[in-house]
Amino acid sequence: VLGFRTLAANDGQAGLALFTAQHREIDAVMIDMEMPGLRGAECLRQMRLVDPGVRAVLCSGFVRDDMDSDWRDSGFIALVPKPYRLADLSRAIDMALRSHPTSLEES
């Protein structure tokens, strides 16, 4: 709907495998906080081993007021609470695409 080509994975392990195989063609990833097999922060940590500059958006149905530093400390660029509106998703993806990739030294 927003004009992006998307890839989907059923769980964290599948997402990591997909990213590992195709990371050079992936501009940004959207990761759920709670996924079977591999939670969101750990999934992003392992993706950073493949590509330290990965740009990631976190989505979650478990958003609390005090978790702002948690997702930012994990390296996510934006948080989209579920259920999300298309405008919120669009803004988060735009933030990710406009951000500068993180280097290993900054992680």
PDB file of N, CA and C in Angstrom:
ATOM      1  N   VAL A   1       0.823  -1.187   0.000  1.00  0.00           N
ATOM      2  CA  VAL A   1       0.000   0.000   0.000  1.00  0.00           C
ATOM      3  C   VAL A   1       0.873   1.259   0.000  1.00  0.00           C
ATOM      4  N   LEU A   2       1.989   1.246   0.693  1.00  0.00           N
ATOM      5  CA  LEU A   2       2.868   2.418   0.772  1.00  0.00           C
ATOM      6  C   LEU A   2       3.891   2.464  -0.367  1.00  0.00           C
ATOM      7  N   GLY A   3       3.876   1.460  -1.223  1.00  0.00           N
ATOM      8  CA  GLY A   3       4.766   1.452  -2.374  1.00  0.00           C
ATOM      9  C   GLY A   3       6.085   0.729  -2.174  1.00  0.00           C
ATOM     10  N   PHE A   4       6.237   0.014  -1.089  1.00  0.00           N
ATOM     11  CA  PHE A   4       7.465  -0.732  -0.834  1.00  0.00           C
ATOM     12  C   PHE A   4       7.280  -2.193  -1.219  1.00  0.00           C
ATOM     13  N   ARG A   5       8.353  -2.817  -1.666  1.00  0.00           N
ATOM     14  CA  ARG A   5       8.347  -4.269  -1.847  1.00  0.00           C
ATOM     15  C   ARG A   5       8.658  -4.862  -0.481  1.00  0.00           C
ATOM     16  N   THR A   6       7.843  -5.785  -0.044  1.00  0.00           N
ATOM     17  CA  THR A   6       8.027  -6.350   1.297  1.00  0.00           C
ATOM     18  C   THR A   6       8.326  -7.832   1.238  1.00  0.00           C
ATOM     19  N   LEU A   7       9.034  -8.272   2.246  1.00  0.00           N
ATOM     20  CA  LEU A   7       9.317  -9.683   2.490  1.00  0.00           C
ATOM     21  C   LEU A   7       8.740  -9.995   3.860  1.00  0.00           C
ATOM     22  N   ALA A   8       8.251 -11.200   4.060  1.00  0.00           N
ATOM     23  CA  ALA A   8       7.651 -11.558   5.345  1.00  0.00           C
ATOM     24  C   ALA A   8       8.237 -12.860   5.867  1.00  0.00           C
ATOM     25  N   ALA A   9       8.297 -12.943   7.190  1.00  0.00           N
ATOM     26  CA  ALA A   9       8.760 -14.163   7.864  1.00  0.00           C
ATOM     27  C   ALA A   9       7.780 -14.470   8.990  1.00  0.00           C
ATOM     28  N   ASN A  10       7.589 -15.738   9.278  1.00  0.00           N
ATOM     29  CA  ASN A  10       6.625 -16.171  10.292  1.00  0.00           C
ATOM     30  C   ASN A  10       7.115 -16.058  11.721  1.00  0.00           C
ATOM     31  N   ASP A  11       8.425 -15.970  11.927  1.00  0.00           N
ATOM     32  CA  ASP A  11       8.969 -15.873  13.274  1.00  0.00           C
ATOM     33  C   ASP A  11      10.354 -15.250  13.220  1.00  0.00           C
ATOM     34  N   GLY A  12      10.938 -15.053  14.385  1.00  0.00           N
ATOM     35  CA  GLY A  12      12.237 -14.406  14.462  1.00  0.00           C
ATOM     36  C   GLY A  12      13.357 -15.152  13.759  1.00  0.00           C
ATOM     37  N   GLN A  13      13.401 -16.456  13.897  1.00  0.00           N
ATOM     38  CA  GLN A  13      14.449 -17.253  13.243  1.00  0.00           C
ATOM     39  C   GLN A  13      14.341 -17.157  11.730  1.00  0.00           C
ATOM     40  N   ALA A  14      13.099 -17.248  11.219  1.00  0.00           N
ATOM     41  CA  ALA A  14      12.884 -17.141   9.773  1.00  0.00           C
ATOM     42  C   ALA A  14      13.234 -15.736   9.287  1.00  0.00           C
ATOM     43  N   GLY A  15      12.903 -14.718  10.079  1.00  0.00           N
ATOM     44  CA  GLY A  15      13.255 -13.348   9.721  1.00  0.00           C
ATOM     45  C   GLY A  15      14.758 -13.141   9.662  1.00  0.00           C
ATOM     46  N   LEU A  16      15.465 -13.698  10.635  1.00  0.00           N
ATOM     47  CA  LEU A  16      16.920 -13.598  10.656  1.00  0.00           C
ATOM     48  C   LEU A  16      17.523 -14.316   9.447  1.00  0.00           C
ATOM     49  N   ALA A  17      17.012 -15.487   9.118  1.00  0.00           N
ATOM     50  CA  ALA A  17      17.512 -16.228   7.960  1.00  0.00           C
ATOM     51  C   ALA A  17      17.261 -15.457   6.663  1.00  0.00           C
ATOM     52  N   LEU A  18      16.088 -14.873   6.538  1.00  0.00           N
ATOM     53  CA  LEU A  18      15.753 -14.081   5.360  1.00  0.00           C
ATOM     54  C   LEU A  18      16.663 -12.864   5.259  1.00  0.00           C
ATOM     55  N   PHE A  19      16.874 -12.180   6.377  1.00  0.00           N
ATOM     56  CA  PHE A  19      17.761 -11.018   6.393  1.00  0.00           C
ATOM     57  C   PHE A  19      19.191 -11.421   6.052  1.00  0.00           C
ATOM     58  N   THR A  20      19.659 -12.516   6.601  1.00  0.00           N
ATOM     59  CA  THR A  20      21.019 -12.982   6.341  1.00  0.00           C
ATOM     60  C   THR A  20      21.220 -13.246   4.851  1.00  0.00           C
ATOM     61  N   ALA A  21      20.227 -13.863   4.225  1.00  0.00           N
ATOM     62  CA  ALA A  21      20.328 -14.197   2.806  1.00  0.00           C
ATOM     63  C   ALA A  21      20.192 -12.979   1.894  1.00  0.00           C
ATOM     64  N   GLN A  22      19.419 -11.965   2.307  1.00  0.00           N
ATOM     65  CA  GLN A  22      19.092 -10.882   1.389  1.00  0.00           C
ATOM     66  C   GLN A  22      19.397  -9.484   1.926  1.00  0.00           C
ATOM     67  N   HIS A  23      20.225  -9.370   2.954  1.00  0.00           N
ATOM     68  CA  HIS A  23      20.428  -8.075   3.614  1.00  0.00           C
ATOM     69  C   HIS A  23      20.907  -6.974   2.688  1.00  0.00           C
ATOM     70  N   ARG A  24      21.596  -7.291   1.620  1.00  0.00           N
ATOM     71  CA  ARG A  24      22.076  -6.246   0.706  1.00  0.00           C
ATOM     72  C   ARG A  24      20.931  -5.579  -0.060  1.00  0.00           C
ATOM     73  N   GLU A  25      19.804  -6.255  -0.161  1.00  0.00           N
ATOM     74  CA  GLU A  25      18.639  -5.705  -0.864  1.00  0.00           C
ATOM     75  C   GLU A  25      17.593  -5.115   0.089  1.00  0.00           C
ATOM     76  N   ILE A  26      17.821  -5.213   1.386  1.00  0.00           N
ATOM     77  CA  ILE A  26      16.831  -4.774   2.382  1.00  0.00           C
ATOM     78  C   ILE A  26      17.236  -3.405   2.923  1.00  0.00           C
ATOM     79  N   ASP A  27      16.325  -2.433   2.771  1.00  0.00           N
ATOM     80  CA  ASP A  27      16.601  -1.076   3.240  1.00  0.00           C
ATOM     81  C   ASP A  27      16.239  -0.876   4.699  1.00  0.00           C
ATOM     82  N   ALA A  28      15.218  -1.588   5.189  1.00  0.00           N
ATOM     83  CA  ALA A  28      14.776  -1.463   6.579  1.00  0.00           C
ATOM     84  C   ALA A  28      14.012  -2.720   6.955  1.00  0.00           C
ATOM     85  N   VAL A  29      13.977  -2.997   8.249  1.00  0.00           N
ATOM     86  CA  VAL A  29      13.214  -4.146   8.746  1.00  0.00           C
ATOM     87  C   VAL A  29      12.216  -3.675   9.793  1.00  0.00           C
ATOM     88  N   MET A  30      11.120  -4.387   9.877  1.00  0.00           N
ATOM     89  CA  MET A  30      10.122  -4.153  10.917  1.00  0.00           C
ATOM     90  C   MET A  30      10.056  -5.435  11.720  1.00  0.00           C
ATOM     91  N   ILE A  31      10.289  -5.319  13.014  1.00  0.00           N
ATOM     92  CA  ILE A  31      10.400  -6.485  13.883  1.00  0.00           C
ATOM     93  C   ILE A  31       9.389  -6.360  15.011  1.00  0.00           C
ATOM     94  N   ASP A  32       8.677  -7.444  15.285  1.00  0.00           N
ATOM     95  CA  ASP A  32       7.740  -7.465  16.405  1.00  0.00           C
ATOM     96  C   ASP A  32       8.534  -7.709  17.682  1.00  0.00           C
ATOM     97  N   MET A  33       8.094  -7.097  18.757  1.00  0.00           N
ATOM     98  CA  MET A  33       8.778  -7.261  20.040  1.00  0.00           C
ATOM     99  C   MET A  33       8.740  -8.716  20.512  1.00  0.00           C
ATOM    100  N   GLU A  34       7.588  -9.336  20.401  1.00  0.00           N
ATOM    101  CA  GLU A  34       7.422 -10.716  20.850  1.00  0.00           C
ATOM    102  C   GLU A  34       7.142 -11.611  19.652  1.00  0.00           C
ATOM    103  N   MET A  35       8.079 -12.493  19.353  1.00  0.00           N
ATOM    104  CA  MET A  35       7.926 -13.435  18.238  1.00  0.00           C
ATOM    105  C   MET A  35       8.314 -14.820  18.712  1.00  0.00           C
ATOM    106  N   PRO A  36       7.724 -15.846  18.112  1.00  0.00           N
ATOM    107  CA  PRO A  36       8.153 -17.205  18.437  1.00  0.00           C
ATOM    108  C   PRO A  36       9.611 -17.408  18.034  1.00  0.00           C
ATOM    109  N   GLY A  37      10.347 -18.098  18.858  1.00  0.00           N
ATOM    110  CA  GLY A  37      11.702 -18.504  18.513  1.00  0.00           C
ATOM    111  C   GLY A  37      12.796 -17.491  18.787  1.00  0.00           C
ATOM    112  N   LEU A  38      12.530 -16.216  18.596  1.00  0.00           N
ATOM    113  CA  LEU A  38      13.564 -15.204  18.748  1.00  0.00           C
ATOM    114  C   LEU A  38      12.875 -13.859  18.984  1.00  0.00           C
ATOM    115  N   ARG A  39      13.021 -13.320  20.170  1.00  0.00           N
ATOM    116  CA  ARG A  39      12.367 -12.040  20.498  1.00  0.00           C
ATOM    117  C   ARG A  39      12.966 -10.909  19.671  1.00  0.00           C
ATOM    118  N   GLY A  40      12.253  -9.804  19.578  1.00  0.00           N
ATOM    119  CA  GLY A  40      12.633  -8.703  18.707  1.00  0.00           C
ATOM    120  C   GLY A  40      14.018  -8.137  18.936  1.00  0.00           C
ATOM    121  N   ALA A  41      14.360  -7.819  20.183  1.00  0.00           N
ATOM    122  CA  ALA A  41      15.669  -7.220  20.468  1.00  0.00           C
ATOM    123  C   ALA A  41      16.802  -8.184  20.123  1.00  0.00           C
ATOM    124  N   GLU A  42      16.614  -9.455  20.404  1.00  0.00           N
ATOM    125  CA  GLU A  42      17.654 -10.444  20.079  1.00  0.00           C
ATOM    126  C   GLU A  42      17.754 -10.637  18.572  1.00  0.00           C
ATOM    127  N   CYS A  43      16.628 -10.609  17.889  1.00  0.00           N
ATOM    128  CA  CYS A  43      16.622 -10.724  16.436  1.00  0.00           C
ATOM    129  C   CYS A  43      17.428  -9.572  15.832  1.00  0.00           C
ATOM    130  N   LEU A  44      17.186  -8.348  16.298  1.00  0.00           N
ATOM    131  CA  LEU A  44      17.939  -7.197  15.790  1.00  0.00           C
ATOM    132  C   LEU A  44      19.417  -7.321  16.148  1.00  0.00           C
ATOM    133  N   ARG A  45      19.724  -7.768  17.338  1.00  0.00           N
ATOM    134  CA  ARG A  45      21.138  -7.933  17.728  1.00  0.00           C
ATOM    135  C   ARG A  45      21.850  -8.875  16.757  1.00  0.00           C
ATOM    136  N   GLN A  46      21.201  -9.972  16.411  1.00  0.00           N
ATOM    137  CA  GLN A  46      21.814 -10.930  15.489  1.00  0.00           C
ATOM    138  C   GLN A  46      21.861 -10.391  14.057  1.00  0.00           C
ATOM    139  N   MET A  47      20.874  -9.599  13.668  1.00  0.00           N
ATOM    140  CA  MET A  47      20.923  -8.964  12.347  1.00  0.00           C
ATOM    141  C   MET A  47      22.094  -8.008  12.267  1.00  0.00           C
ATOM    142  N   ARG A  48      22.398  -7.322  13.367  1.00  0.00           N
ATOM    143  CA  ARG A  48      23.527  -6.387  13.392  1.00  0.00           C
ATOM    144  C   ARG A  48      24.868  -7.104  13.221  1.00  0.00           C
ATOM    145  N   LEU A  49      24.938  -8.371  13.583  1.00  0.00           N
ATOM    146  CA  LEU A  49      26.154  -9.144  13.330  1.00  0.00           C
ATOM    147  C   LEU A  49      26.346  -9.363  11.835  1.00  0.00           C
ATOM    148  N   VAL A  50      25.257  -9.456  11.094  1.00  0.00           N
ATOM    149  CA  VAL A  50      25.292  -9.626   9.642  1.00  0.00           C
ATOM    150  C   VAL A  50      25.534  -8.280   8.968  1.00  0.00           C
ATOM    151  N   ASP A  51      24.817  -7.247   9.423  1.00  0.00           N
ATOM    152  CA  ASP A  51      24.924  -5.900   8.848  1.00  0.00           C
ATOM    153  C   ASP A  51      24.763  -4.879   9.972  1.00  0.00           C
ATOM    154  N   PRO A  52      25.857  -4.315  10.449  1.00  0.00           N
ATOM    155  CA  PRO A  52      25.782  -3.358  11.562  1.00  0.00           C
ATOM    156  C   PRO A  52      24.929  -2.133  11.254  1.00  0.00           C
ATOM    157  N   GLY A  53      24.684  -1.843   9.996  1.00  0.00           N
ATOM    158  CA  GLY A  53      23.906  -0.676   9.614  1.00  0.00           C
ATOM    159  C   GLY A  53      22.429  -0.931   9.411  1.00  0.00           C
ATOM    160  N   VAL A  54      21.941  -2.081   9.830  1.00  0.00           N
ATOM    161  CA  VAL A  54      20.521  -2.390   9.629  1.00  0.00           C
ATOM    162  C   VAL A  54      19.648  -1.341  10.303  1.00  0.00           C
ATOM    163  N   ARG A  55      18.630  -0.910   9.588  1.00  0.00           N
ATOM    164  CA  ARG A  55      17.675   0.081  10.108  1.00  0.00           C
ATOM    165  C   ARG A  55      16.419  -0.670  10.511  1.00  0.00           C
ATOM    166  N   ALA A  56      16.011  -0.532  11.759  1.00  0.00           N
ATOM    167  CA  ALA A  56      14.917  -1.358  12.276  1.00  0.00           C
ATOM    168  C   ALA A  56      13.842  -0.540  12.968  1.00  0.00           C
ATOM    169  N   VAL A  57      12.602  -0.939  12.695  1.00  0.00           N
ATOM    170  CA  VAL A  57      11.422  -0.389  13.346  1.00  0.00           C
ATOM    171  C   VAL A  57      10.843  -1.494  14.211  1.00  0.00           C
ATOM    172  N   LEU A  58      10.499  -1.175  15.439  1.00  0.00           N
ATOM    173  CA  LEU A  58       9.890  -2.135  16.352  1.00  0.00           C
ATOM    174  C   LEU A  58       8.386  -1.932  16.353  1.00  0.00           C
ATOM    175  N   CYS A  59       7.631  -3.015  16.288  1.00  0.00           N
ATOM    176  CA  CYS A  59       6.187  -2.920  16.484  1.00  0.00           C
ATOM    177  C   CYS A  59       5.823  -3.820  17.660  1.00  0.00           C
ATOM    178  N   SER A  60       4.813  -3.377  18.416  1.00  0.00           N
ATOM    179  CA  SER A  60       4.438  -4.131  19.605  1.00  0.00           C
ATOM    180  C   SER A  60       3.021  -3.802  20.039  1.00  0.00           C
ATOM    181  N   GLY A  61       2.364  -4.808  20.563  1.00  0.00           N
ATOM    182  CA  GLY A  61       1.069  -4.626  21.192  1.00  0.00           C
ATOM    183  C   GLY A  61       1.207  -4.450  22.686  1.00  0.00           C
ATOM    184  N   PHE A  62       2.439  -4.432  23.194  1.00  0.00           N
ATOM    185  CA  PHE A  62       2.713  -4.348  24.627  1.00  0.00           C
ATOM    186  C   PHE A  62       3.456  -3.071  24.975  1.00  0.00           C
ATOM    187  N   VAL A  63       2.990  -1.943  24.524  1.00  0.00           N
ATOM    188  CA  VAL A  63       3.686  -0.678  24.745  1.00  0.00           C
ATOM    189  C   VAL A  63       3.343  -0.112  26.122  1.00  0.00           C
ATOM    190  N   ARG A  64       4.402   0.246  26.864  1.00  0.00           N
ATOM    191  CA  ARG A  64       4.251   0.887  28.179  1.00  0.00           C
ATOM    192  C   ARG A  64       4.936   2.253  28.113  1.00  0.00           C
ATOM    193  N   ASP A  65       4.503   3.149  28.971  1.00  0.00           N
ATOM    194  CA  ASP A  65       5.095   4.483  29.003  1.00  0.00           C
ATOM    195  C   ASP A  65       6.582   4.460  29.346  1.00  0.00           C
ATOM    196  N   ASP A  66       7.016   3.502  30.139  1.00  0.00           N
ATOM    197  CA  ASP A  66       8.400   3.481  30.615  1.00  0.00           C
ATOM    198  C   ASP A  66       9.355   2.684  29.725  1.00  0.00           C
ATOM    199  N   MET A  67       8.929   2.259  28.551  1.00  0.00           N
ATOM    200  CA  MET A  67       9.791   1.410  27.734  1.00  0.00           C
ATOM    201  C   MET A  67      10.534   2.161  26.638  1.00  0.00           C
ATOM    202  N   ASP A  68      10.418   3.487  26.588  1.00  0.00           N
ATOM    203  CA  ASP A  68      11.050   4.271  25.537  1.00  0.00           C
ATOM    204  C   ASP A  68      12.543   3.999  25.424  1.00  0.00           C
ATOM    205  N   SER A  69      13.253   4.023  26.518  1.00  0.00           N
ATOM    206  CA  SER A  69      14.701   3.805  26.447  1.00  0.00           C
ATOM    207  C   SER A  69      15.036   2.355  26.120  1.00  0.00           C
ATOM    208  N   ASP A  70      14.185   1.413  26.473  1.00  0.00           N
ATOM    209  CA  ASP A  70      14.453   0.002  26.185  1.00  0.00           C
ATOM    210  C   ASP A  70      14.583  -0.252  24.687  1.00  0.00           C
ATOM    211  N   TRP A  71      13.602   0.185  23.909  1.00  0.00           N
ATOM    212  CA  TRP A  71      13.663  -0.098  22.478  1.00  0.00           C
ATOM    213  C   TRP A  71      14.733   0.736  21.786  1.00  0.00           C
ATOM    214  N   ARG A  72      14.949   1.952  22.253  1.00  0.00           N
ATOM    215  CA  ARG A  72      16.013   2.771  21.661  1.00  0.00           C
ATOM    216  C   ARG A  72      17.388   2.185  21.992  1.00  0.00           C
ATOM    217  N   ASP A  73      17.573   1.729  23.232  1.00  0.00           N
ATOM    218  CA  ASP A  73      18.840   1.123  23.634  1.00  0.00           C
ATOM    219  C   ASP A  73      19.130  -0.146  22.842  1.00  0.00           C
ATOM    220  N   SER A  74      18.087  -0.828  22.386  1.00  0.00           N
ATOM    221  CA  SER A  74      18.256  -2.042  21.590  1.00  0.00           C
ATOM    222  C   SER A  74      18.619  -1.733  20.148  1.00  0.00           C
ATOM    223  N   GLY A  75      18.533  -0.465  19.746  1.00  0.00           N
ATOM    224  CA  GLY A  75      18.941  -0.081  18.400  1.00  0.00           C
ATOM    225  C   GLY A  75      17.816   0.176  17.416  1.00  0.00           C
ATOM    226  N   PHE A  76      16.575   0.152  17.896  1.00  0.00           N
ATOM    227  CA  PHE A  76      15.462   0.432  17.000  1.00  0.00           C
ATOM    228  C   PHE A  76      15.363   1.934  16.759  1.00  0.00           C
ATOM    229  N   ILE A  77      14.948   2.310  15.570  1.00  0.00           N
ATOM    230  CA  ILE A  77      14.835   3.711  15.193  1.00  0.00           C
ATOM    231  C   ILE A  77      13.487   4.285  15.586  1.00  0.00           C
ATOM    232  N   ALA A  78      12.446   3.458  15.488  1.00  0.00           N
ATOM    233  CA  ALA A  78      11.089   3.925  15.787  1.00  0.00           C
ATOM    234  C   ALA A  78      10.287   2.784  16.384  1.00  0.00           C
ATOM    235  N   LEU A  79       9.229   3.161  17.087  1.00  0.00           N
ATOM    236  CA  LEU A  79       8.299   2.197  17.678  1.00  0.00           C
ATOM    237  C   LEU A  79       6.912   2.480  17.122  1.00  0.00           C
ATOM    238  N   VAL A  80       6.248   1.434  16.654  1.00  0.00           N
ATOM    239  CA  VAL A  80       4.886   1.551  16.156  1.00  0.00           C
ATOM    240  C   VAL A  80       4.007   0.642  17.019  1.00  0.00           C
ATOM    241  N   PRO A  81       3.164   1.231  17.874  1.00  0.00           N
ATOM    242  CA  PRO A  81       2.275   0.420  18.711  1.00  0.00           C
ATOM    243  C   PRO A  81       1.185  -0.233  17.858  1.00  0.00           C
ATOM    244  N   LYS A  82       0.847  -1.473  18.198  1.00  0.00           N
ATOM    245  CA  LYS A  82      -0.252  -2.171  17.515  1.00  0.00           C
ATOM    246  C   LYS A  82      -1.540  -1.980  18.307  1.00  0.00           C
ATOM    247  N   PRO A  83      -2.655  -1.897  17.672  1.00  0.00           N
ATOM    248  CA  PRO A  83      -2.807  -1.838  16.211  1.00  0.00           C
ATOM    249  C   PRO A  83      -2.371  -0.468  15.713  1.00  0.00           C
ATOM    250  N   TYR A  84      -1.689  -0.435  14.587  1.00  0.00           N
ATOM    251  CA  TYR A  84      -1.186   0.833  14.085  1.00  0.00           C
ATOM    252  C   TYR A  84      -1.969   1.292  12.866  1.00  0.00           C
ATOM    253  N   ARG A  85      -1.954   2.600  12.708  1.00  0.00           N
ATOM    254  CA  ARG A  85      -2.571   3.206  11.538  1.00  0.00           C
ATOM    255  C   ARG A  85      -1.524   3.292  10.432  1.00  0.00           C
ATOM    256  N   LEU A  86      -1.982   3.316   9.207  1.00  0.00           N
ATOM    257  CA  LEU A  86      -1.091   3.385   8.065  1.00  0.00           C
ATOM    258  C   LEU A  86      -0.191   4.617   8.141  1.00  0.00           C
ATOM    259  N   ALA A  87      -0.725   5.743   8.595  1.00  0.00           N
ATOM    260  CA  ALA A  87       0.078   6.966   8.720  1.00  0.00           C
ATOM    261  C   ALA A  87       1.211   6.784   9.727  1.00  0.00           C
ATOM    262  N   ASP A  88       0.960   6.085  10.838  1.00  0.00           N
ATOM    263  CA  ASP A  88       2.001   5.829  11.846  1.00  0.00           C
ATOM    264  C   ASP A  88       3.087   4.922  11.278  1.00  0.00           C
ATOM    265  N   LEU A  89       2.663   3.898  10.552  1.00  0.00           N
ATOM    266  CA  LEU A  89       3.625   2.988   9.927  1.00  0.00           C
ATOM    267  C   LEU A  89       4.470   3.738   8.905  1.00  0.00           C
ATOM    268  N   SER A  90       3.830   4.547   8.089  1.00  0.00           N
ATOM    269  CA  SER A  90       4.537   5.316   7.075  1.00  0.00           C
ATOM    270  C   SER A  90       5.582   6.231   7.707  1.00  0.00           C
ATOM    271  N   ARG A  91       5.222   6.912   8.788  1.00  0.00           N
ATOM    272  CA  ARG A  91       6.149   7.806   9.497  1.00  0.00           C
ATOM    273  C   ARG A  91       7.344   7.023  10.046  1.00  0.00           C
ATOM    274  N   ALA A  92       7.091   5.874  10.639  1.00  0.00           N
ATOM    275  CA  ALA A  92       8.175   5.070  11.220  1.00  0.00           C
ATOM    276  C   ALA A  92       9.131   4.557  10.144  1.00  0.00           C
ATOM    277  N   ILE A  93       8.587   4.100   9.035  1.00  0.00           N
ATOM    278  CA  ILE A  93       9.443   3.621   7.947  1.00  0.00           C
ATOM    279  C   ILE A  93      10.251   4.771   7.377  1.00  0.00           C
ATOM    280  N   ASP A  94       9.624   5.924   7.217  1.00  0.00           N
ATOM    281  CA  ASP A  94      10.336   7.094   6.722  1.00  0.00           C
ATOM    282  C   ASP A  94      11.492   7.452   7.660  1.00  0.00           C
ATOM    283  N   MET A  95      11.258   7.414   8.971  1.00  0.00           N
ATOM    284  CA  MET A  95      12.334   7.687   9.942  1.00  0.00           C
ATOM    285  C   MET A  95      13.477   6.703   9.766  1.00  0.00           C
ATOM    286  N   ALA A  96      13.137   5.431   9.580  1.00  0.00           N
ATOM    287  CA  ALA A  96      14.175   4.409   9.416  1.00  0.00           C
ATOM    288  C   ALA A  96      14.976   4.645   8.145  1.00  0.00           C
ATOM    289  N   LEU A  97      14.302   4.940   7.062  1.00  0.00           N
ATOM    290  CA  LEU A  97      14.995   5.120   5.789  1.00  0.00           C
ATOM    291  C   LEU A  97      15.855   6.383   5.772  1.00  0.00           C
ATOM    292  N   ARG A  98      15.470   7.387   6.538  1.00  0.00           N
ATOM    293  CA  ARG A  98      16.232   8.641   6.585  1.00  0.00           C
ATOM    294  C   ARG A  98      17.377   8.588   7.593  1.00  0.00           C
ATOM    295  N   SER A  99      17.368   7.603   8.466  1.00  0.00           N
ATOM    296  CA  SER A  99      18.421   7.522   9.487  1.00  0.00           C
ATOM    297  C   SER A  99      19.732   7.062   8.864  1.00  0.00           C
ATOM    298  N   HIS A 100      20.798   7.399   9.526  1.00  0.00           N
ATOM    299  CA  HIS A 100      22.119   6.970   9.068  1.00  0.00           C
ATOM    300  C   HIS A 100      22.403   5.603   9.666  1.00  0.00           C
ATOM    301  N   PRO A 101      22.909   4.697   8.843  1.00  0.00           N
ATOM    302  CA  PRO A 101      23.233   3.370   9.381  1.00  0.00           C
ATOM    303  C   PRO A 101      24.213   3.487  10.536  1.00  0.00           C
ATOM    304  N   THR A 102      24.026   2.638  11.515  1.00  0.00           N
ATOM    305  CA  THR A 102      24.886   2.599  12.689  1.00  0.00           C
ATOM    306  C   THR A 102      26.129   1.764  12.363  1.00  0.00           C
ATOM    307  N   SER A 103      27.269   2.241  12.766  1.00  0.00           N
ATOM    308  CA  SER A 103      28.488   1.466  12.572  1.00  0.00           C
ATOM    309  C   SER A 103      28.744   0.628  13.812  1.00  0.00           C
ATOM    310  N   LEU A 104      29.638  -0.307  13.690  1.00  0.00           N
ATOM    311  CA  LEU A 104      29.988  -1.163  14.832  1.00  0.00           C
ATOM    312  C   LEU A 104      30.523  -0.336  15.996  1.00  0.00           C
ATOM    313  N   GLU A 105      31.257   0.728  15.689  1.00  0.00           N
ATOM    314  CA  GLU A 105      31.830   1.537  16.753  1.00  0.00           C
ATOM    315  C   GLU A 105      30.760   2.254  17.553  1.00  0.00           C
ATOM    316  N   GLU A 106      29.611   2.579  16.928  1.00  0.00           N
ATOM    317  CA  GLU A 106      28.562   3.293  17.605  1.00  0.00           C
ATOM    318  C   GLU A 106      27.627   2.364  18.366  1.00  0.00           C
ATOM    319  N   SER A 107      27.648   1.093  18.058  1.00  0.00           N
ATOM    320  CA  SER A 107      26.729   0.127  18.694  1.00  0.00           C
ATOM    321  C   SER A 107      27.136  -0.166  20.099  1.00  0.00           C
TER     322      SER A 107
END
